[in-house]
């Protein structure tokens, strides 16, 4: 969808500039994309936004910590 191209380009660019290995850059890009879409939704629906994640990741503390850092840096 063309209306999301700017967001996707920004997120992919940020992930590409990361010093992480390729597989970790992909995970970073997906996390950043979820945060970016959540922020766009917040512009329409105020207060809280919840994004669905793979249930297997629910107890992945390292991944949760990384995602919370992304959100905090973005806000």
PDB file of N, CA and C in Angstrom:
ATOM      1  N   UNK A   1       0.849  -1.174   0.000  1.00  0.00           N
ATOM      2  CA  UNK A   1       0.000   0.000   0.000  1.00  0.00           C
ATOM      3  C   UNK A   1       0.894   1.236   0.000  1.00  0.00           C
ATOM      4  N   UNK A   2       0.690   2.106  -0.929  1.00  0.00           N
ATOM      5  CA  UNK A   2       1.553   3.279  -1.079  1.00  0.00           C
ATOM      6  C   UNK A   2       1.585   4.206   0.127  1.00  0.00           C
ATOM      7  N   UNK A   3       0.505   4.275   0.889  1.00  0.00           N
ATOM      8  CA  UNK A   3       0.466   5.191   2.032  1.00  0.00           C
ATOM      9  C   UNK A   3       1.408   4.775   3.160  1.00  0.00           C
ATOM     10  N   UNK A   4       1.887   3.537   3.121  1.00  0.00           N
ATOM     11  CA  UNK A   4       2.808   3.057   4.152  1.00  0.00           C
ATOM     12  C   UNK A   4       4.254   2.981   3.670  1.00  0.00           C
ATOM     13  N   UNK A   5       4.500   3.382   2.430  1.00  0.00           N
ATOM     14  CA  UNK A   5       5.844   3.290   1.851  1.00  0.00           C
ATOM     15  C   UNK A   5       6.872   4.085   2.657  1.00  0.00           C
ATOM     16  N   UNK A   6       6.532   5.279   3.080  1.00  0.00           N
ATOM     17  CA  UNK A   6       7.463   6.111   3.848  1.00  0.00           C
ATOM     18  C   UNK A   6       7.869   5.426   5.153  1.00  0.00           C
ATOM     19  N   UNK A   7       6.897   4.850   5.851  1.00  0.00           N
ATOM     20  CA  UNK A   7       7.186   4.159   7.105  1.00  0.00           C
ATOM     21  C   UNK A   7       8.081   2.955   6.840  1.00  0.00           C
ATOM     22  N   UNK A   8       7.725   2.166   5.848  1.00  0.00           N
ATOM     23  CA  UNK A   8       8.504   0.976   5.527  1.00  0.00           C
ATOM     24  C   UNK A   8       9.928   1.329   5.111  1.00  0.00           C
ATOM     25  N   UNK A   9      10.064   2.349   4.272  1.00  0.00           N
ATOM     26  CA  UNK A   9      11.399   2.776   3.834  1.00  0.00           C
ATOM     27  C   UNK A   9      12.259   3.240   5.007  1.00  0.00           C
ATOM     28  N   UNK A  10      11.661   3.978   5.917  1.00  0.00           N
ATOM     29  CA  UNK A  10      12.393   4.469   7.091  1.00  0.00           C
ATOM     30  C   UNK A  10      12.854   3.314   7.968  1.00  0.00           C
ATOM     31  N   UNK A  11      11.943   2.392   8.253  1.00  0.00           N
ATOM     32  CA  UNK A  11      12.259   1.260   9.127  1.00  0.00           C
ATOM     33  C   UNK A  11      13.320   0.362   8.488  1.00  0.00           C
ATOM     34  N   UNK A  12      13.177   0.068   7.211  1.00  0.00           N
ATOM     35  CA  UNK A  12      14.150  -0.783   6.519  1.00  0.00           C
ATOM     36  C   UNK A  12      15.510  -0.095   6.494  1.00  0.00           C
ATOM     37  N   UNK A  13      15.531   1.205   6.245  1.00  0.00           N
ATOM     38  CA  UNK A  13      16.787   1.956   6.237  1.00  0.00           C
ATOM     39  C   UNK A  13      17.479   1.918   7.586  1.00  0.00           C
ATOM     40  N   UNK A  14      16.714   2.089   8.651  1.00  0.00           N
ATOM     41  CA  UNK A  14      17.292   2.038   9.999  1.00  0.00           C
ATOM     42  C   UNK A  14      17.874   0.658  10.284  1.00  0.00           C
ATOM     43  N   UNK A  15      17.167  -0.377   9.885  1.00  0.00           N
ATOM     44  CA  UNK A  15      17.647  -1.745  10.133  1.00  0.00           C
ATOM     45  C   UNK A  15      18.901  -2.035   9.314  1.00  0.00           C
ATOM     46  N   UNK A  16      18.934  -1.557   8.078  1.00  0.00           N
ATOM     47  CA  UNK A  16      20.107  -1.783   7.227  1.00  0.00           C
ATOM     48  C   UNK A  16      21.345  -1.101   7.792  1.00  0.00           C
ATOM     49  N   UNK A  17      21.159   0.044   8.424  1.00  0.00           N
ATOM     50  CA  UNK A  17      22.295   0.775   8.996  1.00  0.00           C
ATOM     51  C   UNK A  17      22.787   0.166  10.307  1.00  0.00           C
ATOM     52  N   UNK A  18      22.032  -0.756  10.835  1.00  0.00           N
ATOM     53  CA  UNK A  18      22.414  -1.409  12.090  1.00  0.00           C
ATOM     54  C   UNK A  18      23.637  -2.295  11.858  1.00  0.00           C
ATOM     55  N   UNK A  19      24.434  -2.441  12.895  1.00  0.00           N
ATOM     56  CA  UNK A  19      25.630  -3.279  12.820  1.00  0.00           C
ATOM     57  C   UNK A  19      25.317  -4.747  13.122  1.00  0.00           C
ATOM     58  N   UNK A  20      24.066  -5.068  13.303  1.00  0.00           N
ATOM     59  CA  UNK A  20      23.672  -6.432  13.641  1.00  0.00           C
ATOM     60  C   UNK A  20      23.830  -7.368  12.443  1.00  0.00           C
ATOM     61  N   UNK A  21      23.945  -8.675  12.701  1.00  0.00           N
ATOM     62  CA  UNK A  21      23.952  -9.644  11.606  1.00  0.00           C
ATOM     63  C   UNK A  21      22.611  -9.611  10.867  1.00  0.00           C
ATOM     64  N   UNK A  22      22.589 -10.108   9.638  1.00  0.00           N
ATOM     65  CA  UNK A  22      21.405 -10.007   8.773  1.00  0.00           C
ATOM     66  C   UNK A  22      20.138 -10.563   9.414  1.00  0.00           C
ATOM     67  N   UNK A  23      20.214 -11.730  10.049  1.00  0.00           N
ATOM     68  CA  UNK A  23      19.004 -12.302  10.639  1.00  0.00           C
ATOM     69  C   UNK A  23      18.481 -11.447  11.787  1.00  0.00           C
ATOM     70  N   UNK A  24      19.363 -10.829  12.524  1.00  0.00           N
ATOM     71  CA  UNK A  24      18.941  -9.953  13.622  1.00  0.00           C
ATOM     72  C   UNK A  24      18.434  -8.617  13.087  1.00  0.00           C
ATOM     73  N   UNK A  25      18.961  -8.164  11.954  1.00  0.00           N
ATOM     74  CA  UNK A  25      18.447  -6.921  11.341  1.00  0.00           C
ATOM     75  C   UNK A  25      17.006  -7.110  10.897  1.00  0.00           C
ATOM     76  N   UNK A  26      16.694  -8.287  10.373  1.00  0.00           N
ATOM     77  CA  UNK A  26      15.320  -8.562   9.963  1.00  0.00           C
ATOM     78  C   UNK A  26      14.388  -8.512  11.166  1.00  0.00           C
ATOM     79  N   UNK A  27      14.787  -9.148  12.264  1.00  0.00           N
ATOM     80  CA  UNK A  27      13.966  -9.120  13.484  1.00  0.00           C
ATOM     81  C   UNK A  27      13.813  -7.682  13.984  1.00  0.00           C
ATOM     82  N   UNK A  28      14.898  -6.913  13.935  1.00  0.00           N
ATOM     83  CA  UNK A  28      14.847  -5.506  14.356  1.00  0.00           C
ATOM     84  C   UNK A  28      13.877  -4.720  13.474  1.00  0.00           C
ATOM     85  N   UNK A  29      13.950  -4.944  12.164  1.00  0.00           N
ATOM     86  CA  UNK A  29      13.056  -4.241  11.241  1.00  0.00           C
ATOM     87  C   UNK A  29      11.597  -4.581  11.530  1.00  0.00           C
ATOM     88  N   UNK A  30      11.308  -5.836  11.805  1.00  0.00           N
ATOM     89  CA  UNK A  30       9.932  -6.229  12.094  1.00  0.00           C
ATOM     90  C   UNK A  30       9.444  -5.606  13.402  1.00  0.00           C
ATOM     91  N   UNK A  31      10.306  -5.578  14.407  1.00  0.00           N
ATOM     92  CA  UNK A  31       9.934  -4.942  15.672  1.00  0.00           C
ATOM     93  C   UNK A  31       9.679  -3.453  15.474  1.00  0.00           C
ATOM     94  N   UNK A  32      10.575  -2.798  14.745  1.00  0.00           N
ATOM     95  CA  UNK A  32      10.419  -1.363  14.501  1.00  0.00           C
ATOM     96  C   UNK A  32       9.163  -1.082  13.670  1.00  0.00           C
ATOM     97  N   UNK A  33       8.854  -1.975  12.742  1.00  0.00           N
ATOM     98  CA  UNK A  33       7.663  -1.796  11.919  1.00  0.00           C
ATOM     99  C   UNK A  33       6.401  -1.908  12.769  1.00  0.00           C
ATOM    100  N   UNK A  34       6.377  -2.868  13.690  1.00  0.00           N
ATOM    101  CA  UNK A  34       5.215  -3.005  14.586  1.00  0.00           C
ATOM    102  C   UNK A  34       5.039  -1.747  15.428  1.00  0.00           C
ATOM    103  N   UNK A  35       6.151  -1.203  15.926  1.00  0.00           N
ATOM    104  CA  UNK A  35       6.087   0.024  16.731  1.00  0.00           C
ATOM    105  C   UNK A  35       5.615   1.193  15.860  1.00  0.00           C
ATOM    106  N   UNK A  36       6.150   1.298  14.665  1.00  0.00           N
ATOM    107  CA  UNK A  36       5.775   2.411  13.776  1.00  0.00           C
ATOM    108  C   UNK A  36       4.290   2.363  13.428  1.00  0.00           C
ATOM    109  N   UNK A  37       3.774   1.174  13.127  1.00  0.00           N
ATOM    110  CA  UNK A  37       2.349   1.062  12.828  1.00  0.00           C
ATOM    111  C   UNK A  37       1.510   1.362  14.072  1.00  0.00           C
ATOM    112  N   UNK A  38       1.980   0.918  15.232  1.00  0.00           N
ATOM    113  CA  UNK A  38       1.271   1.237  16.472  1.00  0.00           C
ATOM    114  C   UNK A  38       1.188   2.731  16.702  1.00  0.00           C
ATOM    115  N   UNK A  39       2.271   3.438  16.416  1.00  0.00           N
ATOM    116  CA  UNK A  39       2.273   4.904  16.577  1.00  0.00           C
ATOM    117  C   UNK A  39       1.319   5.570  15.593  1.00  0.00           C
ATOM    118  N   UNK A  40       1.238   5.013  14.387  1.00  0.00           N
ATOM    119  CA  UNK A  40       0.282   5.561  13.409  1.00  0.00           C
ATOM    120  C   UNK A  40      -1.147   5.336  13.882  1.00  0.00           C
ATOM    121  N   UNK A  41      -1.420   4.172  14.445  1.00  0.00           N
ATOM    122  CA  UNK A  41      -2.759   3.884  14.962  1.00  0.00           C
ATOM    123  C   UNK A  41      -3.097   4.835  16.105  1.00  0.00           C
ATOM    124  N   UNK A  42      -2.092   5.151  16.945  1.00  0.00           N
ATOM    125  CA  UNK A  42      -2.331   6.071  18.064  1.00  0.00           C
ATOM    126  C   UNK A  42      -2.754   7.461  17.587  1.00  0.00           C
ATOM    127  N   UNK A  43      -2.386   7.829  16.379  1.00  0.00           N
ATOM    128  CA  UNK A  43      -2.805   9.129  15.837  1.00  0.00           C
ATOM    129  C   UNK A  43      -4.302   9.147  15.559  1.00  0.00           C
ATOM    130  N   UNK A  44      -4.886   7.950  15.392  1.00  0.00           N
ATOM    131  CA  UNK A  44      -6.311   7.840  15.076  1.00  0.00           C
ATOM    132  C   UNK A  44      -7.113   7.459  16.321  1.00  0.00           C
ATOM    133  N   UNK A  45      -6.592   6.479  17.074  1.00  0.00           N
ATOM    134  CA  UNK A  45      -7.256   5.970  18.268  1.00  0.00           C
ATOM    135  C   UNK A  45      -6.364   6.311  19.453  1.00  0.00           C
ATOM    136  N   UNK A  46      -6.863   7.154  20.338  1.00  0.00           N
ATOM    137  CA  UNK A  46      -6.016   7.608  21.445  1.00  0.00           C
ATOM    138  C   UNK A  46      -5.867   6.560  22.545  1.00  0.00           C
ATOM    139  N   UNK A  47      -4.902   6.773  23.378  1.00  0.00           N
ATOM    140  CA  UNK A  47      -4.597   6.020  24.591  1.00  0.00           C
ATOM    141  C   UNK A  47      -3.658   4.847  24.347  1.00  0.00           C
ATOM    142  N   UNK A  48      -4.155   3.635  24.142  1.00  0.00           N
ATOM    143  CA  UNK A  48      -3.280   2.464  24.068  1.00  0.00           C
ATOM    144  C   UNK A  48      -3.470   1.699  22.769  1.00  0.00           C
ATOM    145  N   UNK A  49      -2.378   1.084  22.340  1.00  0.00           N
ATOM    146  CA  UNK A  49      -2.413   0.212  21.178  1.00  0.00           C
ATOM    147  C   UNK A  49      -1.739  -1.087  21.558  1.00  0.00           C
ATOM    148  N   UNK A  50      -2.364  -2.190  21.196  1.00  0.00           N
ATOM    149  CA  UNK A  50      -1.788  -3.500  21.457  1.00  0.00           C
ATOM    150  C   UNK A  50      -1.486  -4.165  20.122  1.00  0.00           C
ATOM    151  N   UNK A  51      -0.299  -4.731  20.008  1.00  0.00           N
ATOM    152  CA  UNK A  51       0.032  -5.468  18.790  1.00  0.00           C
ATOM    153  C   UNK A  51       0.163  -6.943  19.143  1.00  0.00           C
ATOM    154  N   UNK A  52      -0.309  -7.783  18.259  1.00  0.00           N
ATOM    155  CA  UNK A  52      -0.235  -9.219  18.472  1.00  0.00           C
ATOM    156  C   UNK A  52       1.164  -9.714  18.140  1.00  0.00           C
ATOM    157  N   UNK A  53       1.650 -10.622  18.936  1.00  0.00           N
ATOM    158  CA  UNK A  53       2.944 -11.238  18.669  1.00  0.00           C
ATOM    159  C   UNK A  53       2.790 -12.750  18.708  1.00  0.00           C
ATOM    160  N   UNK A  54       3.744 -13.418  18.144  1.00  0.00           N
ATOM    161  CA  UNK A  54       3.790 -14.872  18.194  1.00  0.00           C
ATOM    162  C   UNK A  54       3.813 -15.289  19.663  1.00  0.00           C
ATOM    163  N   UNK A  55       2.930 -16.175  20.054  1.00  0.00           N
ATOM    164  CA  UNK A  55       2.830 -16.586  21.463  1.00  0.00           C
ATOM    165  C   UNK A  55       4.144 -17.147  21.985  1.00  0.00           C
ATOM    166  N   UNK A  56       4.955 -17.718  21.110  1.00  0.00           N
ATOM    167  CA  UNK A  56       6.244 -18.265  21.541  1.00  0.00           C
ATOM    168  C   UNK A  56       7.180 -17.168  22.034  1.00  0.00           C
ATOM    169  N   UNK A  57       6.926 -15.925  21.640  1.00  0.00           N
ATOM    170  CA  UNK A  57       7.777 -14.813  22.050  1.00  0.00           C
ATOM    171  C   UNK A  57       7.309 -14.163  23.356  1.00  0.00           C
ATOM    172  N   UNK A  58       6.176 -14.593  23.854  1.00  0.00           N
ATOM    173  CA  UNK A  58       5.602 -13.971  25.044  1.00  0.00           C
ATOM    174  C   UNK A  58       6.527 -14.012  26.252  1.00  0.00           C
ATOM    175  N   UNK A  59       7.348 -15.034  26.330  1.00  0.00           N
ATOM    176  CA  UNK A  59       8.226 -15.179  27.488  1.00  0.00           C
ATOM    177  C   UNK A  59       9.689 -14.958  27.131  1.00  0.00           C
ATOM    178  N   UNK A  60       9.931 -14.334  25.989  1.00  0.00           N
ATOM    179  CA  UNK A  60      11.298 -14.033  25.545  1.00  0.00           C
ATOM    180  C   UNK A  60      11.687 -12.678  26.127  1.00  0.00           C
ATOM    181  N   UNK A  61      12.277 -12.689  27.313  1.00  0.00           N
ATOM    182  CA  UNK A  61      12.590 -11.439  28.017  1.00  0.00           C
ATOM    183  C   UNK A  61      13.560 -10.556  27.253  1.00  0.00           C
ATOM    184  N   UNK A  62      14.547 -11.156  26.574  1.00  0.00           N
ATOM    185  CA  UNK A  62      15.513 -10.367  25.819  1.00  0.00           C
ATOM    186  C   UNK A  62      14.806  -9.613  24.689  1.00  0.00           C
ATOM    187  N   UNK A  63      13.943 -10.301  23.989  1.00  0.00           N
ATOM    188  CA  UNK A  63      13.220  -9.668  22.879  1.00  0.00           C
ATOM    189  C   UNK A  63      12.284  -8.583  23.402  1.00  0.00           C
ATOM    190  N   UNK A  64      11.610  -8.860  24.515  1.00  0.00           N
ATOM    191  CA  UNK A  64      10.728  -7.861  25.106  1.00  0.00           C
ATOM    192  C   UNK A  64      11.510  -6.612  25.475  1.00  0.00           C
ATOM    193  N   UNK A  65      12.676  -6.805  26.078  1.00  0.00           N
ATOM    194  CA  UNK A  65      13.512  -5.670  26.477  1.00  0.00           C
ATOM    195  C   UNK A  65      13.906  -4.848  25.246  1.00  0.00           C
ATOM    196  N   UNK A  66      14.292  -5.512  24.159  1.00  0.00           N
ATOM    197  CA  UNK A  66      14.658  -4.807  22.921  1.00  0.00           C
ATOM    198  C   UNK A  66      13.476  -4.014  22.384  1.00  0.00           C
ATOM    199  N   UNK A  67      12.293  -4.634  22.383  1.00  0.00           N
ATOM    200  CA  UNK A  67      11.114  -3.945  21.875  1.00  0.00           C
ATOM    201  C   UNK A  67      10.756  -2.744  22.740  1.00  0.00           C
ATOM    202  N   UNK A  68      10.875  -2.880  24.048  1.00  0.00           N
ATOM    203  CA  UNK A  68      10.550  -1.743  24.911  1.00  0.00           C
ATOM    204  C   UNK A  68      11.541  -0.603  24.706  1.00  0.00           C
ATOM    205  N   UNK A  69      12.802  -0.918  24.428  1.00  0.00           N
ATOM    206  CA  UNK A  69      13.786   0.127  24.128  1.00  0.00           C
ATOM    207  C   UNK A  69      13.418   0.861  22.836  1.00  0.00           C
ATOM    208  N   UNK A  70      12.953   0.117  21.830  1.00  0.00           N
ATOM    209  CA  UNK A  70      12.536   0.730  20.567  1.00  0.00           C
ATOM    210  C   UNK A  70      11.387   1.694  20.816  1.00  0.00           C
ATOM    211  N   UNK A  71      10.422   1.261  21.578  1.00  0.00           N
ATOM    212  CA  UNK A  71       9.263   2.117  21.860  1.00  0.00           C
ATOM    213  C   UNK A  71       9.710   3.362  22.617  1.00  0.00           C
ATOM    214  N   UNK A  72      10.528   3.213  23.630  1.00  0.00           N
ATOM    215  CA  UNK A  72      10.965   4.357  24.424  1.00  0.00           C
ATOM    216  C   UNK A  72      11.768   5.348  23.594  1.00  0.00           C
ATOM    217  N   UNK A  73      12.627   4.867  22.696  1.00  0.00           N
ATOM    218  CA  UNK A  73      13.409   5.771  21.843  1.00  0.00           C
ATOM    219  C   UNK A  73      12.509   6.472  20.825  1.00  0.00           C
ATOM    220  N   UNK A  74      11.443   5.791  20.405  1.00  0.00           N
ATOM    221  CA  UNK A  74      10.560   6.344  19.388  1.00  0.00           C
ATOM    222  C   UNK A  74       9.657   7.418  19.965  1.00  0.00           C
ATOM    223  N   UNK A  75       9.218   7.205  21.203  1.00  0.00           N
ATOM    224  CA  UNK A  75       8.317   8.180  21.840  1.00  0.00           C
ATOM    225  C   UNK A  75       9.140   9.347  22.270  1.00  0.00           C
TER     226      UNK A  75
END
